Amino acid sequence: MSLQFLTEEESAAVDAALLTTPEKFLTRLTLSTGKLLVYIAKDLGTTVEALDNQQIIAWFEADSKRKQLEGIQSSVLKWDAKNLTDLPKE
């Protein structure tokens, strides 16, 4: 499943806002995070309000594991971490 975190329209609205560059970054991050939390809650069969830190961490671990075992196209988060040096070795 591929999740679009920020549409072109949303990005354009942020660009047009009277905000500093750091504020625009934080706005984009917040909008994207909201969408991801909704997705995680739905995936776990709960509400965003009921999510706790451990559930969110476990969801990220599961998505990372799926990416490692089945390839990047099987994960929700599509970033490629092959050049990172701090990946856990299993």
N, C-alpha and C. Protein backbone atom coordinates (compact mmCIF):
# COMPACT_ATOMS: atom_id res chain seq x y z
N MET A 1 0.85 -1.17 0.00
CA MET A 1 0.00 0.00 0.00
C MET A 1 0.88 1.22 0.00
N SER A 2 0.62 2.14 -0.87
CA SER A 2 1.37 3.39 -0.92
C SER A 2 0.49 4.50 -0.38
N LEU A 3 1.01 5.23 0.54
CA LEU A 3 0.28 6.30 1.19
C LEU A 3 0.85 7.63 0.74
N GLN A 4 0.01 8.50 0.19
CA GLN A 4 0.47 9.83 -0.19
C GLN A 4 0.36 10.72 1.03
N PHE A 5 1.48 11.21 1.48
CA PHE A 5 1.51 11.97 2.71
C PHE A 5 1.07 13.42 2.53
N LEU A 6 1.38 13.99 1.41
CA LEU A 6 1.03 15.39 1.17
C LEU A 6 0.69 15.56 -0.31
N THR A 7 -0.51 16.00 -0.59
CA THR A 7 -0.91 16.20 -1.98
C THR A 7 -0.25 17.46 -2.53
N GLU A 8 -0.27 17.60 -3.84
CA GLU A 8 0.27 18.81 -4.46
C GLU A 8 -0.49 20.04 -3.98
N GLU A 9 -1.80 19.89 -3.81
CA GLU A 9 -2.62 21.02 -3.36
C GLU A 9 -2.25 21.42 -1.93
N GLU A 10 -2.07 20.42 -1.07
CA GLU A 10 -1.68 20.72 0.31
C GLU A 10 -0.31 21.37 0.36
N SER A 11 0.61 20.86 -0.44
CA SER A 11 1.95 21.44 -0.49
C SER A 11 1.91 22.88 -0.99
N ALA A 12 1.10 23.13 -2.00
CA ALA A 12 0.96 24.49 -2.53
C ALA A 12 0.36 25.42 -1.48
N ALA A 13 -0.60 24.92 -0.71
CA ALA A 13 -1.21 25.74 0.35
C ALA A 13 -0.17 26.10 1.41
N VAL A 14 0.69 25.14 1.75
CA VAL A 14 1.75 25.42 2.72
C VAL A 14 2.72 26.44 2.14
N ASP A 15 3.09 26.27 0.86
CA ASP A 15 3.99 27.22 0.21
C ASP A 15 3.42 28.63 0.23
N ALA A 16 2.11 28.75 0.05
CA ALA A 16 1.46 30.07 -0.01
C ALA A 16 1.26 30.70 1.37
N ALA A 17 1.38 29.90 2.40
CA ALA A 17 1.17 30.41 3.76
C ALA A 17 2.26 31.40 4.14
N LEU A 18 1.90 32.35 4.97
CA LEU A 18 2.85 33.36 5.43
C LEU A 18 3.64 32.80 6.61
N LEU A 19 4.52 31.85 6.29
CA LEU A 19 5.31 31.16 7.30
C LEU A 19 6.78 31.19 6.91
N THR A 20 7.64 31.06 7.90
CA THR A 20 9.06 30.93 7.63
C THR A 20 9.33 29.53 7.08
N THR A 21 10.51 29.33 6.54
CA THR A 21 10.87 28.01 6.01
C THR A 21 10.78 26.93 7.08
N PRO A 22 11.32 27.15 8.29
CA PRO A 22 11.17 26.11 9.32
C PRO A 22 9.71 25.85 9.69
N GLU A 23 8.90 26.91 9.71
CA GLU A 23 7.47 26.73 10.02
C GLU A 23 6.77 25.94 8.92
N LYS A 24 7.15 26.18 7.68
CA LYS A 24 6.57 25.41 6.57
C LYS A 24 6.96 23.94 6.68
N PHE A 25 8.21 23.69 7.02
CA PHE A 25 8.65 22.30 7.21
C PHE A 25 7.82 21.63 8.30
N LEU A 26 7.67 22.29 9.43
CA LEU A 26 6.91 21.72 10.54
C LEU A 26 5.45 21.52 10.16
N THR A 27 4.90 22.43 9.39
CA THR A 27 3.52 22.28 8.93
C THR A 27 3.37 21.06 8.04
N ARG A 28 4.30 20.88 7.09
CA ARG A 28 4.26 19.69 6.23
C ARG A 28 4.41 18.42 7.05
N LEU A 29 5.33 18.43 7.99
CA LEU A 29 5.55 17.27 8.85
C LEU A 29 4.29 16.94 9.66
N THR A 30 3.64 17.95 10.18
CA THR A 30 2.43 17.75 10.98
C THR A 30 1.29 17.20 10.14
N LEU A 31 1.08 17.76 8.96
CA LEU A 31 0.03 17.25 8.07
C LEU A 31 0.29 15.79 7.69
N SER A 32 1.54 15.49 7.35
CA SER A 32 1.90 14.12 6.98
C SER A 32 1.75 13.16 8.15
N THR A 33 2.17 13.59 9.33
CA THR A 33 2.06 12.76 10.52
C THR A 33 0.61 12.43 10.84
N GLY A 34 -0.25 13.42 10.70
CA GLY A 34 -1.68 13.18 10.93
C GLY A 34 -2.21 12.08 10.03
N LYS A 35 -1.86 12.13 8.75
CA LYS A 35 -2.31 11.10 7.81
C LYS A 35 -1.74 9.74 8.17
N LEU A 36 -0.47 9.70 8.55
CA LEU A 36 0.15 8.42 8.89
C LEU A 36 -0.47 7.84 10.15
N LEU A 37 -0.76 8.67 11.14
CA LEU A 37 -1.40 8.17 12.36
C LEU A 37 -2.78 7.60 12.08
N VAL A 38 -3.53 8.24 11.19
CA VAL A 38 -4.84 7.71 10.81
C VAL A 38 -4.66 6.34 10.15
N TYR A 39 -3.66 6.22 9.27
CA TYR A 39 -3.41 4.94 8.60
C TYR A 39 -3.02 3.86 9.61
N ILE A 40 -2.10 4.19 10.52
CA ILE A 40 -1.65 3.22 11.53
C ILE A 40 -2.83 2.77 12.39
N ALA A 41 -3.63 3.70 12.84
CA ALA A 41 -4.78 3.35 13.69
C ALA A 41 -5.73 2.41 12.95
N LYS A 42 -6.02 2.73 11.70
CA LYS A 42 -6.92 1.87 10.91
C LYS A 42 -6.30 0.49 10.73
N ASP A 43 -5.00 0.44 10.44
CA ASP A 43 -4.29 -0.83 10.25
C ASP A 43 -4.34 -1.68 11.51
N LEU A 44 -4.29 -1.04 12.67
CA LEU A 44 -4.31 -1.76 13.95
C LEU A 44 -5.72 -1.95 14.50
N GLY A 45 -6.71 -1.44 13.78
CA GLY A 45 -8.09 -1.61 14.22
C GLY A 45 -8.45 -0.81 15.45
N THR A 46 -7.92 0.40 15.53
CA THR A 46 -8.20 1.25 16.68
C THR A 46 -8.38 2.69 16.20
N THR A 47 -8.47 3.60 17.12
CA THR A 47 -8.58 5.02 16.77
C THR A 47 -7.24 5.71 17.02
N VAL A 48 -7.07 6.85 16.40
CA VAL A 48 -5.85 7.63 16.63
C VAL A 48 -5.72 7.97 18.11
N GLU A 49 -6.83 8.34 18.72
CA GLU A 49 -6.82 8.73 20.14
C GLU A 49 -6.39 7.57 21.04
N ALA A 50 -6.66 6.35 20.63
CA ALA A 50 -6.34 5.19 21.46
C ALA A 50 -4.92 4.67 21.23
N LEU A 51 -4.25 5.13 20.19
CA LEU A 51 -2.89 4.67 19.92
C LEU A 51 -1.96 5.07 21.07
N ASP A 52 -1.07 4.16 21.42
CA ASP A 52 -0.04 4.53 22.39
C ASP A 52 1.33 4.42 21.73
N ASN A 53 2.34 4.91 22.41
CA ASN A 53 3.68 4.94 21.85
C ASN A 53 4.16 3.56 21.43
N GLN A 54 3.91 2.55 22.26
CA GLN A 54 4.38 1.20 21.96
C GLN A 54 3.74 0.66 20.69
N GLN A 55 2.46 0.93 20.48
CA GLN A 55 1.78 0.48 19.25
C GLN A 55 2.40 1.14 18.02
N ILE A 56 2.71 2.42 18.13
CA ILE A 56 3.30 3.14 17.00
C ILE A 56 4.69 2.59 16.70
N ILE A 57 5.48 2.38 17.73
CA ILE A 57 6.83 1.82 17.55
C ILE A 57 6.74 0.43 16.93
N ALA A 58 5.85 -0.41 17.44
CA ALA A 58 5.69 -1.77 16.91
C ALA A 58 5.25 -1.73 15.45
N TRP A 59 4.37 -0.79 15.10
CA TRP A 59 3.92 -0.68 13.71
C TRP A 59 5.10 -0.33 12.80
N PHE A 60 5.94 0.63 13.23
CA PHE A 60 7.12 1.00 12.44
C PHE A 60 8.07 -0.18 12.31
N GLU A 61 8.26 -0.93 13.39
CA GLU A 61 9.13 -2.11 13.33
C GLU A 61 8.59 -3.14 12.33
N ALA A 62 7.28 -3.36 12.36
CA ALA A 62 6.67 -4.33 11.44
C ALA A 62 6.80 -3.87 9.99
N ASP A 63 6.61 -2.58 9.74
CA ASP A 63 6.75 -2.07 8.38
C ASP A 63 8.20 -2.19 7.91
N SER A 64 9.14 -1.91 8.80
CA SER A 64 10.56 -2.04 8.47
C SER A 64 10.92 -3.50 8.17
N LYS A 65 10.41 -4.40 8.99
CA LYS A 65 10.67 -5.84 8.80
C LYS A 65 10.10 -6.31 7.45
N ARG A 66 8.89 -5.86 7.15
CA ARG A 66 8.25 -6.22 5.87
C ARG A 66 9.11 -5.72 4.71
N LYS A 67 9.64 -4.51 4.84
CA LYS A 67 10.50 -3.95 3.80
C LYS A 67 11.77 -4.79 3.63
N GLN A 68 12.36 -5.19 4.76
CA GLN A 68 13.60 -5.98 4.71
C GLN A 68 13.37 -7.36 4.11
N LEU A 69 12.26 -7.99 4.46
CA LEU A 69 12.00 -9.36 4.02
C LEU A 69 11.37 -9.45 2.63
N GLU A 70 10.49 -8.50 2.31
CA GLU A 70 9.70 -8.61 1.08
C GLU A 70 10.02 -7.53 0.05
N GLY A 71 10.83 -6.56 0.42
CA GLY A 71 11.17 -5.49 -0.51
C GLY A 71 10.40 -4.22 -0.23
N ILE A 72 10.94 -3.14 -0.73
CA ILE A 72 10.40 -1.82 -0.44
C ILE A 72 8.97 -1.64 -0.91
N GLN A 73 8.58 -2.31 -1.99
CA GLN A 73 7.22 -2.14 -2.51
C GLN A 73 6.16 -2.75 -1.61
N SER A 74 6.55 -3.64 -0.70
CA SER A 74 5.58 -4.27 0.20
C SER A 74 5.34 -3.45 1.47
N SER A 75 6.15 -2.43 1.67
CA SER A 75 6.02 -1.62 2.88
C SER A 75 5.16 -0.38 2.62
N VAL A 76 4.69 0.22 3.68
CA VAL A 76 3.92 1.46 3.58
C VAL A 76 4.87 2.63 3.38
N LEU A 77 5.92 2.67 4.17
CA LEU A 77 6.90 3.75 4.09
C LEU A 77 7.96 3.35 3.07
N LYS A 78 8.06 4.11 2.01
CA LYS A 78 8.86 3.71 0.85
C LYS A 78 10.28 4.24 0.83
N TRP A 79 10.74 4.84 1.91
CA TRP A 79 12.10 5.35 1.85
C TRP A 79 13.08 4.19 1.81
N ASP A 80 14.19 4.42 1.13
CA ASP A 80 15.21 3.40 0.96
C ASP A 80 16.33 3.67 1.96
N ALA A 81 16.54 2.75 2.86
CA ALA A 81 17.51 2.95 3.94
C ALA A 81 18.81 2.19 3.71
N LYS A 82 19.09 1.78 2.48
CA LYS A 82 20.25 0.93 2.26
C LYS A 82 21.58 1.63 2.55
N ASN A 83 21.61 2.95 2.56
CA ASN A 83 22.85 3.66 2.81
C ASN A 83 23.03 4.07 4.27
N LEU A 84 22.07 3.74 5.11
CA LEU A 84 22.19 4.10 6.52
C LEU A 84 23.11 3.11 7.22
N THR A 85 23.87 3.62 8.17
CA THR A 85 24.82 2.75 8.86
C THR A 85 24.28 2.25 10.20
N ASP A 86 23.13 2.75 10.63
CA ASP A 86 22.63 2.38 11.95
C ASP A 86 21.47 1.38 11.90
N LEU A 87 21.31 0.67 10.79
CA LEU A 87 20.25 -0.31 10.69
C LEU A 87 20.55 -1.50 11.59
N PRO A 88 19.56 -2.00 12.29
CA PRO A 88 19.79 -3.17 13.15
C PRO A 88 20.09 -4.40 12.30
N LYS A 89 20.99 -5.21 12.78
CA LYS A 89 21.32 -6.47 12.11
C LYS A 89 20.55 -7.58 12.79
N GLU A 90 19.83 -8.37 12.00
CA GLU A 90 19.07 -9.48 12.59
C GLU A 90 19.56 -10.79 12.07
